[in-house]
PDB file of N, CA and C in Angstrom:
ATOM      1  N   MET A   1     -28.083  44.253 -17.873  1.00  0.00           N
ATOM      2  CA  MET A   1     -27.686  45.506 -18.473  1.00  0.00           C
ATOM      3  C   MET A   1     -28.575  45.764 -19.683  1.00  0.00           C
ATOM      4  N   ALA A   2     -29.058  46.934 -19.766  1.00  0.00           N
ATOM      5  CA  ALA A   2     -29.943  47.311 -20.866  1.00  0.00           C
ATOM      6  C   ALA A   2     -29.149  47.463 -22.153  1.00  0.00           C
ATOM      7  N   LYS A   3     -29.803  47.160 -23.258  1.00  0.00           N
ATOM      8  CA  LYS A   3     -29.144  47.330 -24.555  1.00  0.00           C
ATOM      9  C   LYS A   3     -29.001  48.811 -24.858  1.00  0.00           C
ATOM     10  N   LEU A   4     -27.892  49.147 -25.483  1.00  0.00           N
ATOM     11  CA  LEU A   4     -27.647  50.525 -25.877  1.00  0.00           C
ATOM     12  C   LEU A   4     -28.111  50.730 -27.313  1.00  0.00           C
ATOM     13  N   SER A   5     -28.550  51.920 -27.581  1.00  0.00           N
ATOM     14  CA  SER A   5     -28.967  52.223 -28.945  1.00  0.00           C
ATOM     15  C   SER A   5     -27.729  52.354 -29.828  1.00  0.00           C
ATOM     16  N   LYS A   6     -27.951  52.311 -31.120  1.00  0.00           N
ATOM     17  CA  LYS A   6     -26.846  52.432 -32.073  1.00  0.00           C
ATOM     18  C   LYS A   6     -26.111  53.754 -31.885  1.00  0.00           C
ATOM     19  N   GLU A   7     -26.860  54.823 -31.641  1.00  0.00           N
ATOM     20  CA  GLU A   7     -26.247  56.135 -31.441  1.00  0.00           C
ATOM     21  C   GLU A   7     -25.391  56.162 -30.169  1.00  0.00           C
ATOM     22  N   GLN A   8     -25.884  55.510 -29.110  1.00  0.00           N
ATOM     23  CA  GLN A   8     -25.133  55.468 -27.864  1.00  0.00           C
ATOM     24  C   GLN A   8     -23.828  54.696 -28.046  1.00  0.00           C
ATOM     25  N   ARG A   9     -23.897  53.567 -28.769  1.00  0.00           N
ATOM     26  CA  ARG A   9     -22.684  52.780 -29.013  1.00  0.00           C
ATOM     27  C   ARG A   9     -21.683  53.581 -29.834  1.00  0.00           C
ATOM     28  N   LYS A  10     -22.181  54.285 -30.859  1.00  0.00           N
ATOM     29  CA  LYS A  10     -21.295  55.109 -31.686  1.00  0.00           C
ATOM     30  C   LYS A  10     -20.636  56.195 -30.845  1.00  0.00           C
ATOM     31  N   ALA A  11     -21.411  56.831 -29.978  1.00  0.00           N
ATOM     32  CA  ALA A  11     -20.881  57.902 -29.135  1.00  0.00           C
ATOM     33  C   ALA A  11     -19.818  57.368 -28.184  1.00  0.00           C
ATOM     34  N   MET A  12     -20.066  56.207 -27.600  1.00  0.00           N
ATOM     35  CA  MET A  12     -19.092  55.608 -26.683  1.00  0.00           C
ATOM     36  C   MET A  12     -17.809  55.237 -27.431  1.00  0.00           C
ATOM     37  N   ALA A  13     -17.952  54.670 -28.625  1.00  0.00           N
ATOM     38  CA  ALA A  13     -16.787  54.298 -29.421  1.00  0.00           C
ATOM     39  C   ALA A  13     -15.989  55.531 -29.811  1.00  0.00           C
ATOM     40  N   GLN A  14     -16.673  56.595 -30.202  1.00  0.00           N
ATOM     41  CA  GLN A  14     -15.996  57.832 -30.596  1.00  0.00           C
ATOM     42  C   GLN A  14     -15.251  58.435 -29.408  1.00  0.00           C
ATOM     43  N   LYS A  15     -15.876  58.415 -28.239  1.00  0.00           N
ATOM     44  CA  LYS A  15     -15.234  58.951 -27.036  1.00  0.00           C
ATOM     45  C   LYS A  15     -13.973  58.152 -26.703  1.00  0.00           C
ATOM     46  N   ALA A  16     -14.048  56.832 -26.815  1.00  0.00           N
ATOM     47  CA  ALA A  16     -12.885  55.988 -26.535  1.00  0.00           C
ATOM     48  C   ALA A  16     -11.762  56.261 -27.535  1.00  0.00           C
ATOM     49  N   MET A  17     -12.115  56.404 -28.812  1.00  0.00           N
ATOM     50  CA  MET A  17     -11.097  56.692 -29.826  1.00  0.00           C
ATOM     51  C   MET A  17     -10.455  58.055 -29.590  1.00  0.00           C
ATOM     52  N   ASP A  18     -11.235  59.037 -29.174  1.00  0.00           N
ATOM     53  CA  ASP A  18     -10.694  60.360 -28.876  1.00  0.00           C
ATOM     54  C   ASP A  18      -9.732  60.301 -27.696  1.00  0.00           C
ATOM     55  N   GLU A  19     -10.104  59.548 -26.665  1.00  0.00           N
ATOM     56  CA  GLU A  19      -9.225  59.408 -25.498  1.00  0.00           C
ATOM     57  C   GLU A  19      -7.920  58.732 -25.875  1.00  0.00           C
ATOM     58  N   ARG A  20      -7.986  57.702 -26.715  1.00  0.00           N
ATOM     59  CA  ARG A  20      -6.761  57.022 -27.154  1.00  0.00           C
ATOM     60  C   ARG A  20      -5.890  57.952 -27.973  1.00  0.00           C
ATOM     61  N   ALA A  21      -6.507  58.796 -28.773  1.00  0.00           N
ATOM     62  CA  ALA A  21      -5.738  59.740 -29.582  1.00  0.00           C
ATOM     63  C   ALA A  21      -5.034  60.767 -28.705  1.00  0.00           C
ATOM     64  N   LYS A  22      -5.681  61.173 -27.619  1.00  0.00           N
ATOM     65  CA  LYS A  22      -5.082  62.152 -26.706  1.00  0.00           C
ATOM     66  C   LYS A  22      -3.927  61.554 -25.920  1.00  0.00           C
ATOM     67  N   HIS A  23      -4.017  60.254 -25.604  1.00  0.00           N
ATOM     68  CA  HIS A  23      -3.024  59.590 -24.761  1.00  0.00           C
ATOM     69  C   HIS A  23      -2.496  58.340 -25.453  1.00  0.00           C
ATOM     70  N   PRO A  24      -1.686  58.516 -26.499  1.00  0.00           N
ATOM     71  CA  PRO A  24      -1.169  57.328 -27.191  1.00  0.00           C
ATOM     72  C   PRO A  24      -0.204  56.553 -26.302  1.00  0.00           C
ATOM     73  N   GLN A  25      -0.225  55.259 -26.445  1.00  0.00           N
ATOM     74  CA  GLN A  25       0.674  54.408 -25.677  1.00  0.00           C
ATOM     75  C   GLN A  25       1.829  53.987 -26.570  1.00  0.00           C
ATOM     76  N   ALA A  26       3.025  54.000 -26.003  1.00  0.00           N
ATOM     77  CA  ALA A  26       4.188  53.567 -26.759  1.00  0.00           C
ATOM     78  C   ALA A  26       4.062  52.077 -27.058  1.00  0.00           C
ATOM     79  N   GLU A  27       4.415  51.719 -28.268  1.00  0.00           N
ATOM     80  CA  GLU A  27       4.312  50.322 -28.644  1.00  0.00           C
ATOM     81  C   GLU A  27       5.448  49.545 -28.004  1.00  0.00           C
ATOM     82  N   LYS A  28       5.120  48.440 -27.379  1.00  0.00           N
ATOM     83  CA  LYS A  28       6.126  47.623 -26.714  1.00  0.00           C
ATOM     84  C   LYS A  28       6.808  46.710 -27.733  1.00  0.00           C
ATOM     85  N   LYS A  29       8.087  46.521 -27.539  1.00  0.00           N
ATOM     86  CA  LYS A  29       8.860  45.695 -28.458  1.00  0.00           C
ATOM     87  C   LYS A  29       8.843  44.224 -28.057  1.00  0.00           C
ATOM     88  N   GLN A  30       8.305  43.915 -26.880  1.00  0.00           N
ATOM     89  CA  GLN A  30       8.318  42.546 -26.387  1.00  0.00           C
ATOM     90  C   GLN A  30       6.913  42.108 -25.996  1.00  0.00           C
ATOM     91  N   SER A  31       6.761  40.813 -25.813  1.00  0.00           N
ATOM     92  CA  SER A  31       5.446  40.284 -25.466  1.00  0.00           C
ATOM     93  C   SER A  31       5.069  40.683 -24.050  1.00  0.00           C
ATOM     94  N   GLY A  32       3.796  40.588 -23.738  1.00  0.00           N
ATOM     95  CA  GLY A  32       3.297  40.968 -22.423  1.00  0.00           C
ATOM     96  C   GLY A  32       3.881  40.147 -21.296  1.00  0.00           C
ATOM     97  N   PHE A  33       3.992  38.821 -21.508  1.00  0.00           N
ATOM     98  CA  PHE A  33       4.505  37.962 -20.448  1.00  0.00           C
ATOM     99  C   PHE A  33       5.971  38.252 -20.150  1.00  0.00           C
ATOM    100  N   LYS A  34       6.753  38.492 -21.192  1.00  0.00           N
ATOM    101  CA  LYS A  34       8.168  38.797 -20.977  1.00  0.00           C
ATOM    102  C   LYS A  34       8.308  40.107 -20.216  1.00  0.00           C
ATOM    103  N   PHE A  35       7.489  41.095 -20.583  1.00  0.00           N
ATOM    104  CA  PHE A  35       7.511  42.387 -19.904  1.00  0.00           C
ATOM    105  C   PHE A  35       7.166  42.221 -18.429  1.00  0.00           C
ATOM    106  N   ILE A  36       6.135  41.430 -18.141  1.00  0.00           N
ATOM    107  CA  ILE A  36       5.710  41.207 -16.761  1.00  0.00           C
ATOM    108  C   ILE A  36       6.817  40.524 -15.964  1.00  0.00           C
ATOM    109  N   GLU A  37       7.459  39.529 -16.556  1.00  0.00           N
ATOM    110  CA  GLU A  37       8.547  38.836 -15.873  1.00  0.00           C
ATOM    111  C   GLU A  37       9.709  39.779 -15.566  1.00  0.00           C
ATOM    112  N   GLU A  38      10.057  40.623 -16.520  1.00  0.00           N
ATOM    113  CA  GLU A  38      11.155  41.563 -16.297  1.00  0.00           C
ATOM    114  C   GLU A  38      10.801  42.585 -15.220  1.00  0.00           C
ATOM    115  N   GLU A  39       9.568  43.077 -15.235  1.00  0.00           N
ATOM    116  CA  GLU A  39       9.130  44.025 -14.210  1.00  0.00           C
ATOM    117  C   GLU A  39       9.136  43.359 -12.835  1.00  0.00           C
ATOM    118  N   SER A  40       8.706  42.111 -12.795  1.00  0.00           N
ATOM    119  CA  SER A  40       8.697  41.372 -11.532  1.00  0.00           C
ATOM    120  C   SER A  40      10.114  41.222 -10.989  1.00  0.00           C
ATOM    121  N   ALA A  41      11.056  40.866 -11.841  1.00  0.00           N
ATOM    122  CA  ALA A  41      12.446  40.711 -11.423  1.00  0.00           C
ATOM    123  C   ALA A  41      13.006  42.042 -10.945  1.00  0.00           C
ATOM    124  N   LYS A  42      12.667  43.129 -11.642  1.00  0.00           N
ATOM    125  CA  LYS A  42      13.148  44.456 -11.261  1.00  0.00           C
ATOM    126  C   LYS A  42      12.613  44.852  -9.885  1.00  0.00           C
ATOM    127  N   LEU A  43      11.321  44.604  -9.659  1.00  0.00           N
ATOM    128  CA  LEU A  43      10.736  44.953  -8.370  1.00  0.00           C
ATOM    129  C   LEU A  43      11.285  44.103  -7.244  1.00  0.00           C
ATOM    130  N   GLU A  44      11.524  42.826  -7.525  1.00  0.00           N
ATOM    131  CA  GLU A  44      12.112  41.952  -6.508  1.00  0.00           C
ATOM    132  C   GLU A  44      13.502  42.449  -6.115  1.00  0.00           C
ATOM    133  N   SER A  45      14.306  42.867  -7.102  1.00  0.00           N
ATOM    134  CA  SER A  45      15.654  43.340  -6.798  1.00  0.00           C
ATOM    135  C   SER A  45      15.602  44.662  -6.026  1.00  0.00           C
ATOM    136  N   GLU A  46      14.621  45.513  -6.313  1.00  0.00           N
ATOM    137  CA  GLU A  46      14.487  46.761  -5.580  1.00  0.00           C
ATOM    138  C   GLU A  46      14.059  46.518  -4.143  1.00  0.00           C
ATOM    139  N   LYS A  47      13.235  45.488  -3.945  1.00  0.00           N
ATOM    140  CA  LYS A  47      12.720  45.188  -2.611  1.00  0.00           C
ATOM    141  C   LYS A  47      13.818  44.673  -1.692  1.00  0.00           C
ATOM    142  N   ASN A  48      14.774  43.949  -2.257  1.00  0.00           N
ATOM    143  CA  ASN A  48      15.847  43.351  -1.433  1.00  0.00           C
ATOM    144  C   ASN A  48      17.003  44.272  -1.250  1.00  0.00           C
TER     145      ASN A  48
END
């Protein structure tokens, strides 16, 4: 992969920050693993 110029990196970072600002994610109150386990249990119960 070719190195990006400083301007290109700045532009990419700015674009990413703008996208995050447009689509904020709700902050989770629990850790990722706990969330995954709960989602897994929920999907298993729906499947059965």
